[in-house]
Amino acid sequence: MIVPRVPVPDPAARTALAENGAVVLTGLPNSPGSLPAAAALLFGTALRELFPHRTRRSVDGGVVGLHADSFDVVVDVGGKPVRRRHPDEDHVLVLLASRAPCGGQSFVLDAHEFTDSLDAELREFLRGKDVDLYGRWAQTRGLPATPRVGCHIEYTRTGRRITRRSDGVTALHRDPEADHVEEMLARFDTEVERVQRELPRIELDEGDVLALDNYRCWHGREAHTGARIVHIQTVRTDDA
């Protein structure tokens, strides 16, 4: 998909995000502090939660495939549970702090449109089969293995659609249909890899912020050589 570029503080940025599901904000200082400023510009009083920004530095990084930026993390701080990430984060903002010498271009997909184009069996699986959305990460990243059960495609109470994509998805523990689930997940991965190859690439300048409707759009980036640094912030709004 083609992602529009809008200079800040142009109010058209909010409209562009609503219409396209993604927008590139330009003209902001190259600083993590630009992330909450961009969120305020885009959502105003509809902002409900800002989650802690995180910095990712990669060196000679491989391809990061299409995904939605949600996760479920609660930590203990002084004996009190504190939520650091939320599985229903509905927007994500990515600021390119330092561009790699070669590669690292971003790409974005309208996941609603894509999944609606799949064959009937896959669509039914994505809409109707419960899976563990993060279970595989317990083996690959050493994170807590508390099951997070849901479907790839669901709707909020107000009717807003969520189309999920995570490399942590696996069949539920002792699901009698586990073999079928893993087969369908493999088919889904194949379709995602196919469409990923066809997407236009986005060249971000340092300081640009890629803002995404995390319920509608998936994003990723190409492999790169050298160092690349991004700052990321996820948010929840009144529509979440």
Protein backbone atom coordinates (compact mmCIF):
# COMPACT_ATOMS: atom_id res chain seq x y z
CA MET A 1 0.00 0.00 0.00
CA ILE A 2 1.03 3.62 -0.58
CA VAL A 3 1.51 5.52 2.70
CA PRO A 4 1.03 9.33 2.50
CA ARG A 5 3.64 11.71 3.92
CA VAL A 6 2.28 14.66 5.92
CA PRO A 7 4.34 17.45 7.53
CA VAL A 8 3.64 18.22 11.18
CA PRO A 9 1.55 19.98 12.47
CA ASP A 10 -0.75 19.66 9.45
CA PRO A 11 -4.18 18.48 10.76
CA ALA A 12 -4.51 16.41 7.58
CA ALA A 13 -2.32 13.80 9.32
CA ARG A 14 -5.24 12.63 11.44
CA THR A 15 -7.48 12.30 8.39
CA ALA A 16 -4.78 10.49 6.42
CA LEU A 17 -4.31 7.95 9.22
CA ALA A 18 -8.07 7.34 9.51
CA GLU A 19 -8.49 6.91 5.75
CA ASN A 20 -5.36 4.92 4.91
CA GLY A 21 -4.54 3.17 8.17
CA ALA A 22 -1.00 4.55 8.00
CA VAL A 23 0.77 7.89 7.60
CA VAL A 24 4.37 9.14 7.68
CA LEU A 25 4.79 12.28 9.80
CA THR A 26 7.66 14.55 8.78
CA GLY A 27 9.29 17.62 10.33
CA LEU A 28 9.50 16.37 13.93
CA PRO A 29 12.70 16.52 16.01
CA ASN A 30 14.70 13.31 15.82
CA SER A 31 14.05 12.37 19.44
CA PRO A 32 11.99 9.80 21.39
CA GLY A 33 10.06 12.80 22.77
CA SER A 34 8.49 13.22 19.34
CA LEU A 35 6.49 10.02 19.81
CA PRO A 36 4.05 11.27 22.50
CA ALA A 37 3.89 14.62 20.67
CA ALA A 38 2.88 12.80 17.48
CA ALA A 39 0.34 10.73 19.39
CA ALA A 40 -1.22 13.89 20.85
CA LEU A 41 -1.42 15.42 17.37
CA LEU A 42 -3.07 12.35 15.89
CA PHE A 43 -5.51 11.42 18.68
CA GLY A 44 -5.93 14.44 20.96
CA THR A 45 -8.27 13.78 23.87
CA ALA A 46 -9.04 10.30 22.51
CA LEU A 47 -5.70 9.08 23.90
CA ARG A 48 -6.30 6.60 26.71
CA GLU A 49 -2.88 5.04 27.39
CA LEU A 50 0.69 5.67 26.27
CA PHE A 51 2.92 2.65 26.83
CA PRO A 52 6.65 3.07 27.58
CA HIS A 53 8.66 3.79 24.47
CA ARG A 54 11.29 1.23 23.54
CA THR A 55 14.44 1.61 21.48
CA ARG A 56 15.57 -1.08 19.07
CA ARG A 57 19.08 -1.11 17.66
CA SER A 58 19.93 -3.77 15.10
CA VAL A 59 23.24 -4.42 13.35
CA ASP A 60 23.25 -6.28 10.03
CA GLY A 61 19.63 -7.20 10.72
CA GLY A 62 17.59 -9.73 8.78
CA VAL A 63 14.14 -9.14 7.33
CA VAL A 64 11.41 -8.35 9.87
CA GLY A 65 8.25 -9.84 8.42
CA LEU A 66 4.75 -8.38 8.44
CA HIS A 67 3.32 -8.17 11.94
CA ALA A 68 1.03 -6.19 14.23
CA ASP A 69 2.72 -4.59 17.25
CA SER A 70 0.69 -5.91 20.16
CA PHE A 71 1.81 -7.97 23.13
CA ASP A 72 0.71 -8.77 26.69
CA VAL A 73 3.27 -7.84 29.36
CA VAL A 74 2.54 -7.19 33.04
CA VAL A 75 5.48 -6.71 35.43
CA ASP A 76 5.75 -6.49 39.20
CA VAL A 77 6.97 -3.08 40.39
CA GLY A 78 7.34 -2.88 44.15
CA GLY A 79 4.68 -5.54 44.64
CA LYS A 80 2.19 -3.86 42.31
CA PRO A 81 1.29 -5.27 38.88
CA VAL A 82 2.06 -2.72 36.15
CA ARG A 83 1.06 -3.22 32.52
CA ARG A 84 3.94 -2.46 30.16
CA ARG A 85 2.25 -3.68 26.98
CA HIS A 86 -1.36 -4.45 26.10
CA PRO A 87 -2.70 -7.04 23.65
CA ASP A 88 -5.22 -4.48 22.36
CA GLU A 89 -2.82 -1.62 21.58
CA ASP A 90 -4.62 -0.03 18.67
CA HIS A 91 -1.92 2.24 17.22
CA VAL A 92 1.86 2.10 16.92
CA LEU A 93 4.33 4.89 16.12
CA VAL A 94 7.82 4.11 14.83
CA LEU A 95 10.47 6.87 14.64
CA LEU A 96 13.55 6.20 12.53
CA ALA A 97 16.40 7.59 14.64
CA SER A 98 19.34 6.32 12.60
CA ARG A 99 19.12 4.91 9.08
CA ALA A 100 21.21 1.91 8.10
CA PRO A 101 23.93 2.47 5.49
CA CYS A 102 22.16 0.01 3.18
CA GLY A 103 18.64 -1.49 3.28
CA GLY A 104 16.11 -1.32 6.11
CA GLN A 105 13.20 0.06 4.04
CA SER A 106 9.77 -0.31 5.62
CA PHE A 107 6.63 -1.86 4.13
CA VAL A 108 2.98 -1.75 5.19
CA LEU A 109 -0.04 -3.92 4.33
CA ASP A 110 -3.78 -3.31 4.73
CA ALA A 111 -4.44 -6.55 6.63
CA HIS A 112 -8.23 -6.27 6.45
CA GLU A 113 -8.14 -6.13 2.67
CA PHE A 114 -5.53 -8.87 2.42
CA THR A 115 -7.25 -11.41 4.66
CA ASP A 116 -10.58 -10.78 2.92
CA SER A 117 -8.88 -11.83 -0.35
CA LEU A 118 -7.83 -15.26 0.95
CA ASP A 119 -9.67 -18.48 0.14
CA ALA A 120 -12.81 -19.36 2.09
CA GLU A 121 -11.17 -22.03 4.28
CA LEU A 122 -8.41 -19.71 5.45
CA ARG A 123 -10.86 -16.86 6.07
CA GLU A 124 -13.03 -19.13 8.18
CA PHE A 125 -10.00 -20.31 10.16
CA LEU A 126 -8.82 -16.76 10.86
CA ARG A 127 -12.29 -15.62 11.94
CA GLY A 128 -13.48 -18.66 13.85
CA LYS A 129 -10.61 -20.69 15.35
CA ASP A 130 -9.15 -19.89 18.78
CA VAL A 131 -5.35 -20.02 18.98
CA ASP A 132 -2.72 -19.07 21.54
CA LEU A 133 -1.58 -15.72 20.19
CA TYR A 134 1.78 -15.63 22.02
CA GLY A 135 2.42 -19.23 23.07
CA ARG A 136 5.31 -19.90 20.69
CA TRP A 137 7.33 -17.04 22.18
CA ALA A 138 7.72 -19.00 25.42
CA GLN A 139 10.13 -21.27 23.53
CA THR A 140 11.81 -18.66 21.30
CA ARG A 141 12.20 -15.68 23.63
CA GLY A 142 11.91 -17.04 27.15
CA LEU A 143 8.82 -14.96 27.93
CA PRO A 144 5.90 -15.97 30.18
CA ALA A 145 3.77 -18.68 28.66
CA THR A 146 0.36 -17.60 29.98
CA PRO A 147 -2.00 -18.44 27.11
CA ARG A 148 -3.66 -15.53 25.35
CA VAL A 149 -6.61 -17.11 23.58
CA GLY A 150 -8.28 -15.44 20.62
CA CYS A 151 -8.91 -15.47 16.89
CA HIS A 152 -6.82 -13.71 14.26
CA ILE A 153 -9.85 -11.64 13.25
CA GLU A 154 -12.12 -10.26 15.96
CA TYR A 155 -14.22 -7.16 16.69
CA THR A 156 -14.35 -4.72 19.57
CA ARG A 157 -17.59 -4.02 21.42
CA THR A 158 -18.14 -0.99 19.17
CA GLY A 159 -17.64 -3.04 16.01
CA ARG A 160 -14.07 -2.07 15.19
CA ARG A 161 -12.27 -4.90 13.43
CA ILE A 162 -8.93 -6.32 14.63
CA THR A 163 -6.79 -8.36 12.22
CA ARG A 164 -3.87 -9.85 14.14
CA ARG A 165 -0.47 -11.08 13.01
CA SER A 166 2.22 -12.45 15.33
CA ASP A 167 5.14 -14.86 15.04
CA GLY A 168 4.09 -16.19 18.44
CA VAL A 169 0.85 -17.86 17.30
CA THR A 170 0.46 -21.57 17.95
CA ALA A 171 -2.27 -24.12 18.62
CA LEU A 172 -3.85 -24.18 22.06
CA HIS A 173 -2.37 -26.66 24.52
CA ARG A 174 -3.91 -30.11 23.95
CA ASP A 175 -6.21 -28.83 21.21
CA PRO A 176 -7.50 -32.00 19.49
CA GLU A 177 -7.28 -30.11 16.20
CA ALA A 178 -3.67 -29.00 16.77
CA ASP A 179 -2.33 -30.65 13.61
CA HIS A 180 -4.96 -28.92 11.50
CA VAL A 181 -4.28 -25.59 13.23
CA GLU A 182 -0.55 -25.82 12.53
CA GLU A 183 -1.29 -26.72 8.90
CA MET A 184 -3.52 -23.66 8.52
CA LEU A 185 -0.96 -21.43 10.22
CA ALA A 186 1.66 -22.65 7.74
CA ARG A 187 -0.67 -21.87 4.83
CA PHE A 188 -1.31 -18.44 6.29
CA ASP A 189 2.45 -17.81 6.60
CA THR A 190 2.91 -18.76 2.94
CA GLU A 191 0.26 -16.27 1.82
CA VAL A 192 1.76 -13.51 3.98
CA GLU A 193 5.24 -14.15 2.58
CA ARG A 194 3.85 -13.99 -0.95
CA VAL A 195 2.15 -10.62 -0.51
CA GLN A 196 5.11 -9.23 1.43
CA ARG A 197 7.34 -9.62 -1.62
CA GLU A 198 4.94 -7.51 -3.70
CA LEU A 199 4.58 -4.51 -1.37
CA PRO A 200 6.11 -1.12 -2.22
CA ARG A 201 9.02 -0.17 0.02
CA ILE A 202 9.01 3.04 2.08
CA GLU A 203 12.18 5.11 2.48
CA LEU A 204 11.97 6.88 5.83
CA ASP A 205 14.22 9.83 6.57
CA GLU A 206 15.81 10.11 9.99
CA GLY A 207 13.25 11.71 12.32
CA ASP A 208 10.24 10.52 10.30
CA VAL A 209 7.46 8.80 12.27
CA LEU A 210 5.52 5.95 10.70
CA ALA A 211 2.12 5.89 12.44
CA LEU A 212 -0.13 2.85 11.97
CA ASP A 213 -3.61 1.69 12.85
CA ASN A 214 -2.45 -1.47 14.60
CA TYR A 215 -5.84 -3.15 14.18
CA ARG A 216 -5.85 -2.69 10.41
CA CYS A 217 -2.25 -2.58 9.17
CA TRP A 218 0.75 -4.85 9.47
CA HIS A 219 4.28 -3.61 8.92
CA GLY A 220 7.83 -4.87 8.55
CA ARG A 221 11.21 -3.91 7.16
CA GLU A 222 13.88 -5.16 4.79
CA ALA A 223 17.21 -6.61 5.85
CA HIS A 224 19.99 -4.09 6.30
CA THR A 225 23.74 -3.79 6.73
CA GLY A 226 25.29 -1.67 9.46
CA ALA A 227 23.42 -0.23 12.43
CA ARG A 228 19.80 0.92 12.40
CA ILE A 229 17.96 2.49 15.37
CA VAL A 230 14.23 3.06 15.84
CA HIS A 231 12.11 4.31 18.74
CA ILE A 232 8.68 2.68 19.10
CA GLN A 233 5.61 3.64 21.11
CA THR A 234 2.28 1.86 21.24
CA VAL A 235 -0.92 3.52 22.42
CA ARG A 236 -4.55 2.81 23.17
CA THR A 237 -7.32 5.22 22.24
CA ASP A 238 -10.99 5.49 23.11
CA ASP A 239 -11.76 3.28 20.10
CA ALA A 240 -9.68 0.35 21.45
